[in-house]
Protein backbone atom coordinates (compact mmCIF):
# COMPACT_ATOMS: atom_id res chain seq x y z
CA UNK A 1 80.00 90.86 138.58
CA UNK A 2 79.80 94.07 139.91
CA UNK A 3 82.68 96.29 139.06
CA UNK A 4 83.54 100.15 140.81
CA UNK A 5 85.07 101.17 137.05
CA UNK A 6 84.36 99.42 133.85
CA UNK A 7 86.29 99.75 130.31
CA UNK A 8 83.41 99.33 127.19
CA UNK A 9 84.25 98.72 123.82
CA UNK A 10 82.40 98.38 120.46
CA UNK A 11 83.16 94.56 119.60
CA UNK A 12 81.25 95.44 115.93
CA UNK A 13 84.27 98.18 115.17
CA UNK A 14 87.96 97.12 115.12
CA UNK A 15 90.50 99.21 117.16
CA UNK A 16 91.61 101.26 114.70
CA UNK A 17 87.98 102.31 114.53
CA UNK A 18 87.76 102.74 118.16
CA UNK A 19 91.63 103.87 119.26
CA UNK A 20 90.55 105.60 121.91
CA UNK A 21 90.03 102.28 124.13
CA UNK A 22 92.96 100.50 123.51
CA UNK A 23 96.04 99.71 121.88
CA UNK A 24 98.47 96.81 119.74
CA UNK A 25 101.90 97.46 120.91
CA UNK A 26 103.30 98.37 124.09
CA UNK A 27 104.64 101.64 124.82
CA UNK A 28 105.09 103.97 127.78
CA UNK A 29 103.90 106.73 126.42
CA UNK A 30 100.51 105.45 126.16
CA UNK A 31 97.50 107.51 127.45
CA UNK A 32 95.27 105.66 130.32
CA UNK A 33 91.59 105.41 129.79
CA UNK A 34 90.91 104.52 133.26
CA UNK A 35 92.16 105.13 136.61
CA UNK A 36 91.69 102.96 139.69
CA UNK A 37 92.99 102.74 142.99
CA UNK A 38 93.99 99.92 144.82
CA UNK A 39 91.43 97.66 146.10
CA UNK A 40 88.91 98.82 143.40
CA UNK A 41 87.73 95.98 140.95
CA UNK A 42 87.97 97.16 137.12
CA UNK A 43 85.81 95.35 134.25
CA UNK A 44 87.53 95.22 131.02
CA UNK A 45 85.58 94.50 127.90
CA UNK A 46 88.35 93.15 124.94
CA UNK A 47 88.22 92.28 121.74
CA UNK A 48 89.44 88.48 120.44
CA UNK A 49 93.01 88.43 119.21
CA UNK A 50 92.53 88.51 115.53
CA UNK A 51 90.34 91.99 116.23
CA UNK A 52 87.37 90.55 114.66
CA UNK A 53 88.97 88.98 111.43
CA UNK A 54 87.90 86.01 112.28
CA UNK A 55 84.00 85.08 112.45
CA UNK A 56 81.72 82.15 112.55
CA UNK A 57 81.13 82.69 108.52
CA UNK A 58 85.27 82.08 108.38
CA UNK A 59 86.71 79.39 106.45
CA UNK A 60 90.43 78.23 106.22
CA UNK A 61 91.10 80.46 103.68
CA UNK A 62 89.79 83.30 104.95
CA UNK A 63 92.23 82.64 107.63
CA UNK A 64 95.11 82.47 105.10
CA UNK A 65 94.41 86.04 104.26
CA UNK A 66 94.61 87.42 108.05
CA UNK A 67 96.49 90.37 108.71
CA UNK A 68 98.73 89.50 111.89
CA UNK A 69 99.84 93.23 112.21
CA UNK A 70 96.52 93.53 113.99
CA UNK A 71 97.52 90.86 116.20
CA UNK A 72 96.54 91.36 119.62
CA UNK A 73 94.32 94.48 120.19
CA UNK A 74 94.33 95.17 123.91
CA UNK A 75 91.87 96.94 126.08
CA UNK A 76 93.93 99.73 128.30
CA UNK A 77 96.01 100.78 129.84
CA UNK A 78 94.72 101.23 133.35
CA UNK A 79 96.51 104.01 135.66
CA UNK A 80 96.84 102.27 139.16
CA UNK A 81 96.72 105.10 141.73
CA UNK A 82 100.27 105.25 143.67
CA UNK A 83 102.17 102.24 141.25
CA UNK A 84 106.04 103.36 140.68
CA UNK A 85 108.73 101.86 139.09
CA UNK A 86 110.55 99.25 141.22
CA UNK A 87 107.30 98.02 142.63
CA UNK A 88 105.00 94.90 142.37
CA UNK A 89 101.91 95.07 140.97
CA UNK A 90 99.19 92.28 142.21
CA UNK A 91 96.58 91.57 139.96
CA UNK A 92 94.30 89.48 141.09
CA UNK A 93 91.92 88.01 137.93
CA UNK A 94 88.32 87.95 139.73
CA UNK A 95 86.78 86.36 136.53
CA UNK A 96 86.78 86.20 132.81
CA UNK A 97 83.32 86.20 131.44
CA UNK A 98 83.50 84.81 127.46
CA UNK A 99 81.66 86.10 124.36
CA UNK A 100 79.23 82.96 122.86
CA UNK A 101 81.68 82.50 119.50
CA UNK A 102 85.20 80.97 119.97
CA UNK A 103 87.93 79.83 117.63
CA UNK A 104 90.87 78.39 116.86
CA UNK A 105 93.34 78.65 113.96
CA UNK A 106 96.54 77.60 111.92
CA UNK A 107 98.17 80.64 110.54
CA UNK A 108 100.77 79.67 107.74
CA UNK A 109 104.24 80.33 109.46
CA UNK A 110 103.09 80.42 113.06
CA UNK A 111 102.99 78.11 115.61
CA UNK A 112 105.48 75.31 117.27
CA UNK A 113 105.07 73.08 114.30
CA UNK A 114 104.72 75.45 111.11
CA UNK A 115 107.05 73.76 109.02
CA UNK A 116 105.26 70.62 109.65
CA UNK A 117 101.87 72.89 109.04
CA UNK A 118 101.72 74.81 106.26
CA UNK A 119 98.48 75.52 105.23
CA UNK A 120 95.65 76.92 106.76
CA UNK A 121 93.46 75.88 109.06
CA UNK A 122 90.10 76.67 110.99
CA UNK A 123 87.81 75.12 114.12
CA UNK A 124 84.96 77.31 115.10
CA UNK A 125 83.63 76.39 118.57
CA UNK A 126 80.35 76.91 120.35
CA UNK A 127 80.91 78.33 124.09
CA UNK A 128 77.77 77.51 126.31
CA UNK A 129 77.15 75.76 129.38
CA UNK A 130 80.49 76.07 130.52
CA UNK A 131 82.54 74.06 127.54
CA UNK A 132 83.14 74.67 123.72
CA UNK A 133 81.57 72.52 120.91
CA UNK A 134 82.37 72.49 117.43
CA UNK A 135 81.46 70.85 114.12
CA UNK A 136 84.72 71.31 112.97
CA UNK A 137 85.73 68.96 115.33
CA UNK A 138 83.06 66.43 116.28
CA UNK A 139 83.02 64.56 119.68
CA UNK A 140 85.47 66.86 121.17
CA UNK A 141 83.48 68.86 124.36
CA UNK A 142 86.44 71.27 125.54
CA UNK A 143 85.32 72.43 129.42
CA UNK A 144 86.40 76.16 129.91
CA UNK A 145 88.72 77.73 132.15
CA UNK A 146 89.05 81.15 130.89
CA UNK A 147 91.90 83.33 130.84
CA UNK A 148 93.41 86.35 129.42
CA UNK A 149 96.37 85.41 127.02
CA UNK A 150 97.72 89.07 127.09
CA UNK A 151 97.84 90.91 130.44
CA UNK A 152 100.92 93.29 131.21
CA UNK A 153 102.25 96.76 132.30
CA UNK A 154 104.15 99.31 130.17
CA UNK A 155 107.65 98.77 129.49
CA UNK A 156 109.82 101.70 130.46
CA UNK A 157 112.17 103.09 127.39
CA UNK A 158 115.35 101.18 129.24
CA UNK A 159 113.48 98.48 128.84
CA UNK A 160 112.26 98.90 125.61
CA UNK A 161 116.21 99.55 124.78
CA UNK A 162 117.39 96.58 126.53
CA UNK A 163 114.54 94.30 124.34
CA UNK A 164 115.40 95.59 120.99
CA UNK A 165 119.14 94.61 121.43
CA UNK A 166 118.34 91.99 122.31
CA UNK A 167 116.05 90.87 119.83
CA UNK A 168 117.67 92.23 117.40
CA UNK A 169 120.73 90.01 118.41
CA UNK A 170 118.79 87.21 117.80
CA UNK A 171 117.46 88.46 114.51
CA UNK A 172 121.30 88.49 113.52
CA UNK A 173 121.67 84.88 114.64
CA UNK A 174 118.62 83.79 112.24
CA UNK A 175 116.09 83.90 114.78
CA UNK A 176 112.53 84.13 114.77
CA UNK A 177 111.24 88.13 115.86
CA UNK A 178 109.31 90.66 115.55
CA UNK A 179 111.06 94.07 115.86
CA UNK A 180 109.10 97.64 116.06
CA UNK A 181 107.05 98.24 112.66
CA UNK A 182 104.22 101.24 112.61
CA UNK A 183 102.20 99.30 109.92
CA UNK A 184 98.82 99.47 111.17
CA UNK A 185 99.88 100.36 115.00
CA UNK A 186 97.26 101.32 117.36
CA UNK A 187 98.02 104.27 118.24
CA UNK A 188 99.01 105.55 115.19
CA UNK A 189 101.09 108.24 116.13
CA UNK A 190 104.59 107.55 114.86
CA UNK A 191 106.22 108.68 118.01
CA UNK A 192 104.95 105.96 119.25
CA UNK A 193 104.11 103.46 116.31
CA UNK A 194 107.67 103.02 115.38
CA UNK A 195 109.47 102.43 118.38
CA UNK A 196 106.40 100.33 120.49
CA UNK A 197 107.11 96.80 121.20
CA UNK A 198 105.14 94.02 119.50
CA UNK A 199 102.42 92.34 121.47
CA UNK A 200 103.46 88.51 120.20
CA UNK A 201 106.72 88.04 122.38
CA UNK A 202 105.93 87.99 125.96
CA UNK A 203 109.06 90.21 128.07
CA UNK A 204 109.46 91.35 132.02
CA UNK A 205 106.43 92.81 132.16
CA UNK A 206 103.88 90.55 131.58
CA UNK A 207 102.53 90.52 127.79
CA UNK A 208 101.72 87.60 125.76
CA UNK A 209 102.22 85.22 128.61
CA UNK A 210 99.59 82.87 127.66
CA UNK A 211 99.28 81.29 131.20
CA UNK A 212 96.35 79.01 131.67
CA UNK A 213 96.15 78.90 135.00
CA UNK A 214 95.83 82.79 135.33
CA UNK A 215 92.28 81.79 136.09
CA UNK A 216 89.58 83.17 138.42
CA UNK A 217 91.41 83.57 141.96
CA UNK A 218 94.91 83.46 140.64
CA UNK A 219 96.84 86.44 141.61
CA UNK A 220 99.89 88.17 138.81
CA UNK A 221 102.66 89.24 140.36
CA UNK A 222 104.00 91.95 137.80
CA UNK A 223 106.99 93.88 138.16
CA UNK A 224 106.60 98.02 137.37
CA UNK A 225 108.41 99.87 134.95
CA UNK A 226 106.47 103.62 134.38
CA UNK A 227 104.34 105.34 137.12
CA UNK A 228 100.69 104.25 136.80
CA UNK A 229 102.05 100.60 135.57
CA UNK A 230 99.36 100.94 132.58
CA UNK A 231 97.89 98.10 132.42
CA UNK A 232 95.81 96.14 129.45
CA UNK A 233 94.58 93.01 128.75
CA UNK A 234 93.53 91.34 125.94
CA UNK A 235 93.28 87.78 123.84
CA UNK A 236 91.12 86.14 125.96
CA UNK A 237 91.34 82.12 125.93
CA UNK A 238 88.14 80.00 126.80
CA UNK A 239 90.27 77.33 126.98
CA UNK A 240 94.07 76.34 126.05
CA UNK A 241 96.58 73.07 126.91
CA UNK A 242 100.28 74.11 128.38
CA UNK A 243 101.94 75.00 125.01
CA UNK A 244 99.15 76.53 122.27
CA UNK A 245 101.30 75.09 120.27
CA UNK A 246 99.74 75.80 117.06
CA UNK A 247 99.23 79.09 118.25
CA UNK A 248 96.27 79.67 118.92
CA UNK A 249 93.73 78.07 121.86
CA UNK A 250 90.10 78.80 121.99
CA UNK A 251 90.19 82.21 121.16
CA UNK A 252 87.30 84.82 122.44
CA UNK A 253 86.32 87.87 122.99
CA UNK A 254 85.75 88.60 126.84
CA UNK A 255 85.21 90.93 129.84
CA UNK A 256 87.86 90.77 132.36
CA UNK A 257 86.99 91.77 135.94
CA UNK A 258 90.24 92.68 138.20
CA UNK A 259 91.73 94.04 141.25
CA UNK A 260 95.53 95.37 142.21
CA UNK A 261 97.78 95.58 145.15
CA UNK A 262 100.94 97.23 145.48
CA UNK A 263 104.06 95.89 147.35
CA UNK A 264 105.94 98.93 147.35
CA UNK A 265 109.89 98.73 146.32
CA UNK A 266 109.55 94.91 146.32
CA UNK A 267 110.59 94.22 142.64
CA UNK A 268 113.36 96.74 143.09
CA UNK A 269 114.89 95.14 146.89
CA UNK A 270 114.24 91.97 145.81
CA UNK A 271 115.64 91.52 142.37
CA UNK A 272 112.52 90.47 140.54
CA UNK A 273 112.73 90.80 136.97
CA UNK A 274 110.08 88.80 135.63
CA UNK A 275 106.45 87.24 136.90
CA UNK A 276 104.98 85.18 139.23
CA UNK A 277 102.06 84.51 139.73
CA UNK A 278 100.22 82.06 142.88
CA UNK A 279 97.25 80.31 144.04
CA UNK A 280 94.90 79.09 146.78
CA UNK A 281 92.62 77.33 145.52
CA UNK A 282 92.78 75.00 142.31
CA UNK A 283 92.54 77.36 139.17
CA UNK A 284 90.48 74.64 137.53
CA UNK A 285 88.17 71.86 138.94
CA UNK A 286 90.37 69.00 140.06
CA UNK A 287 89.57 67.04 137.68
CA UNK A 288 90.23 68.47 135.04
CA UNK A 289 93.54 70.41 135.99
CA UNK A 290 94.47 66.97 136.92
CA UNK A 291 92.08 64.85 134.67
CA UNK A 292 91.76 61.08 135.85
CA UNK A 293 91.64 59.19 132.82
CA UNK A 294 94.69 60.42 130.08
CA UNK A 295 96.88 58.96 127.47
CA UNK A 296 100.68 60.37 127.65
CA UNK A 297 103.24 59.73 124.45
CA UNK A 298 107.09 61.42 125.40
CA UNK A 299 109.47 62.41 123.56
CA UNK A 300 113.38 63.18 123.90
CA UNK A 301 116.07 64.83 122.22
CA UNK A 302 116.59 62.98 118.93
CA UNK A 303 115.50 64.12 115.73
CA UNK A 304 113.02 61.61 113.73
CA UNK A 305 115.77 60.92 110.89
CA UNK A 306 118.02 59.61 113.76
CA UNK A 307 120.42 62.44 114.73
CA UNK A 308 120.80 62.88 118.24
CA UNK A 309 120.64 66.42 119.85
CA UNK A 310 122.46 66.95 123.66
CA UNK A 311 120.05 68.62 126.59
CA UNK A 312 117.50 69.69 123.41
CA UNK A 313 114.41 70.66 125.49
CA UNK A 314 112.74 71.86 122.47
CA UNK A 315 113.34 68.85 120.15
CA UNK A 316 111.99 66.52 122.67
CA UNK A 317 108.79 68.76 122.97
CA UNK A 318 108.40 68.78 119.59
CA UNK A 319 108.54 64.88 119.29
CA UNK A 320 106.20 64.72 121.96
CA UNK A 321 103.61 66.25 120.23
CA UNK A 322 104.12 64.92 116.71
CA UNK A 323 103.67 61.58 118.43
CA UNK A 324 100.41 62.50 120.60
CA UNK A 325 99.37 64.22 116.49
CA UNK A 326 100.02 60.24 115.20
CA UNK A 327 98.06 59.14 118.45
CA UNK A 328 95.64 61.20 118.21
CA UNK A 329 94.97 60.22 114.23
CA UNK A 330 95.40 56.75 114.74
CA UNK A 331 93.00 56.16 117.82
CA UNK A 332 90.77 58.98 117.32
CA UNK A 333 90.11 59.27 113.27
CA UNK A 334 91.00 62.69 113.48
CA UNK A 335 92.61 64.86 110.29
CA UNK A 336 96.76 66.04 111.02
CA UNK A 337 95.35 69.20 111.28
CA UNK A 338 92.29 68.42 113.86
CA UNK A 339 94.74 66.66 115.91
CA UNK A 340 97.39 69.36 116.04
CA UNK A 341 94.13 71.89 116.98
CA UNK A 342 93.01 69.34 120.13
CA UNK A 343 97.15 69.87 121.18
CA UNK A 344 96.84 73.40 121.18
CA UNK A 345 93.60 73.35 123.72
CA UNK A 346 94.04 70.50 125.43
CA UNK A 347 97.12 68.43 125.39
CA UNK A 348 99.31 69.81 128.01
CA UNK A 349 103.33 69.31 127.03
CA UNK A 350 105.62 69.03 131.01
CA UNK A 351 109.00 68.94 131.15
CA UNK A 352 109.56 64.82 133.05
CA UNK A 353 113.48 65.38 133.47
CA UNK A 354 116.33 67.50 132.73
CA UNK A 355 118.90 65.96 134.05
CA UNK A 356 119.46 62.09 131.93
CA UNK A 357 122.34 64.17 129.58
CA UNK A 358 122.42 64.13 126.77
CA UNK A 359 118.24 63.09 126.57
CA UNK A 360 115.64 65.38 128.10
CA UNK A 361 112.35 64.21 128.04
CA UNK A 362 108.95 65.78 127.74
CA UNK A 363 105.84 64.32 127.98
CA UNK A 364 102.53 65.57 125.77
CA UNK A 365 99.04 64.63 127.98
CA UNK A 366 95.47 64.33 126.22
CA UNK A 367 92.64 64.04 129.23
CA UNK A 368 89.90 61.07 127.62
CA UNK A 369 87.13 63.54 129.22
CA UNK A 370 87.27 65.98 126.12
CA UNK A 371 86.06 63.15 123.97
CA UNK A 372 82.29 62.30 124.02
């Protein structure tokens, strides 16, 4: 695709070996790698989420040795001329061009069912002709709908302080959170690395949204918090279920193409604090976005040992997913780890209802067209 500006990287090098191309933390003082005007198309080459640690020759043991401090290497930031705090930055996804290798991994201690799946696992995908296939998951063909898992703008110092305040409270309450850590940070300058925001969690400025509808043609709307917006992308996904339950989709390197527009003062005037997005056409082929043939399981707010938890949507989602894994093991002959991987890349978790107290209902839907 033709681009007015283009950011090239050397995928044979890690981000730390080529720090002038990007970053793996969010911070308002990052130096832009390119400046664009609204309406211009920028092409941005990106590394995979694990910064090259997973290769076609990797095995499960290699997954267990991965350094998670390197997640996610982002390319950018892009300085958008005219963008000011209080604006809305509209990013139109023009295209996401995949590289030919992908992977799905289960990392011990990470993922929605990390207490159930405690051993490393890997699926190595070959990406070609619009689909991903793997000898590690025979009989499965995943149609592509490429998008960027991490896509966002830089936080202001005020937003950084707010995020740290509330996430320290989460930590004090025993919740899972990743606070600033300069280890393996890019850039490594102490003034940035020691206070920069990690990339694993999404925030008001976007980041690790993992929204699978952000495919070509979709427009993402982000509040602007710093001059120039400082837009960055990474963590490209070839395909993903609406949940990314094991913590990874079909991960890959890719080239992102996008263009920008500004809605001056709209975030401030309308009190918009969180990302929005819209699309004027199907985000994926209709037969894949709304499959004709599927199987679905449900989950409610009762633990498997019979304890009820009122209005607990997370528990309902967990039960729907566990029930789907049981189904895939029984009906498709998959191992539990294979089934968990299928859920992450192709199963959609959907909230069926939130009102019939005490039991919320979440469904897990697997399309039949992925099985060949």
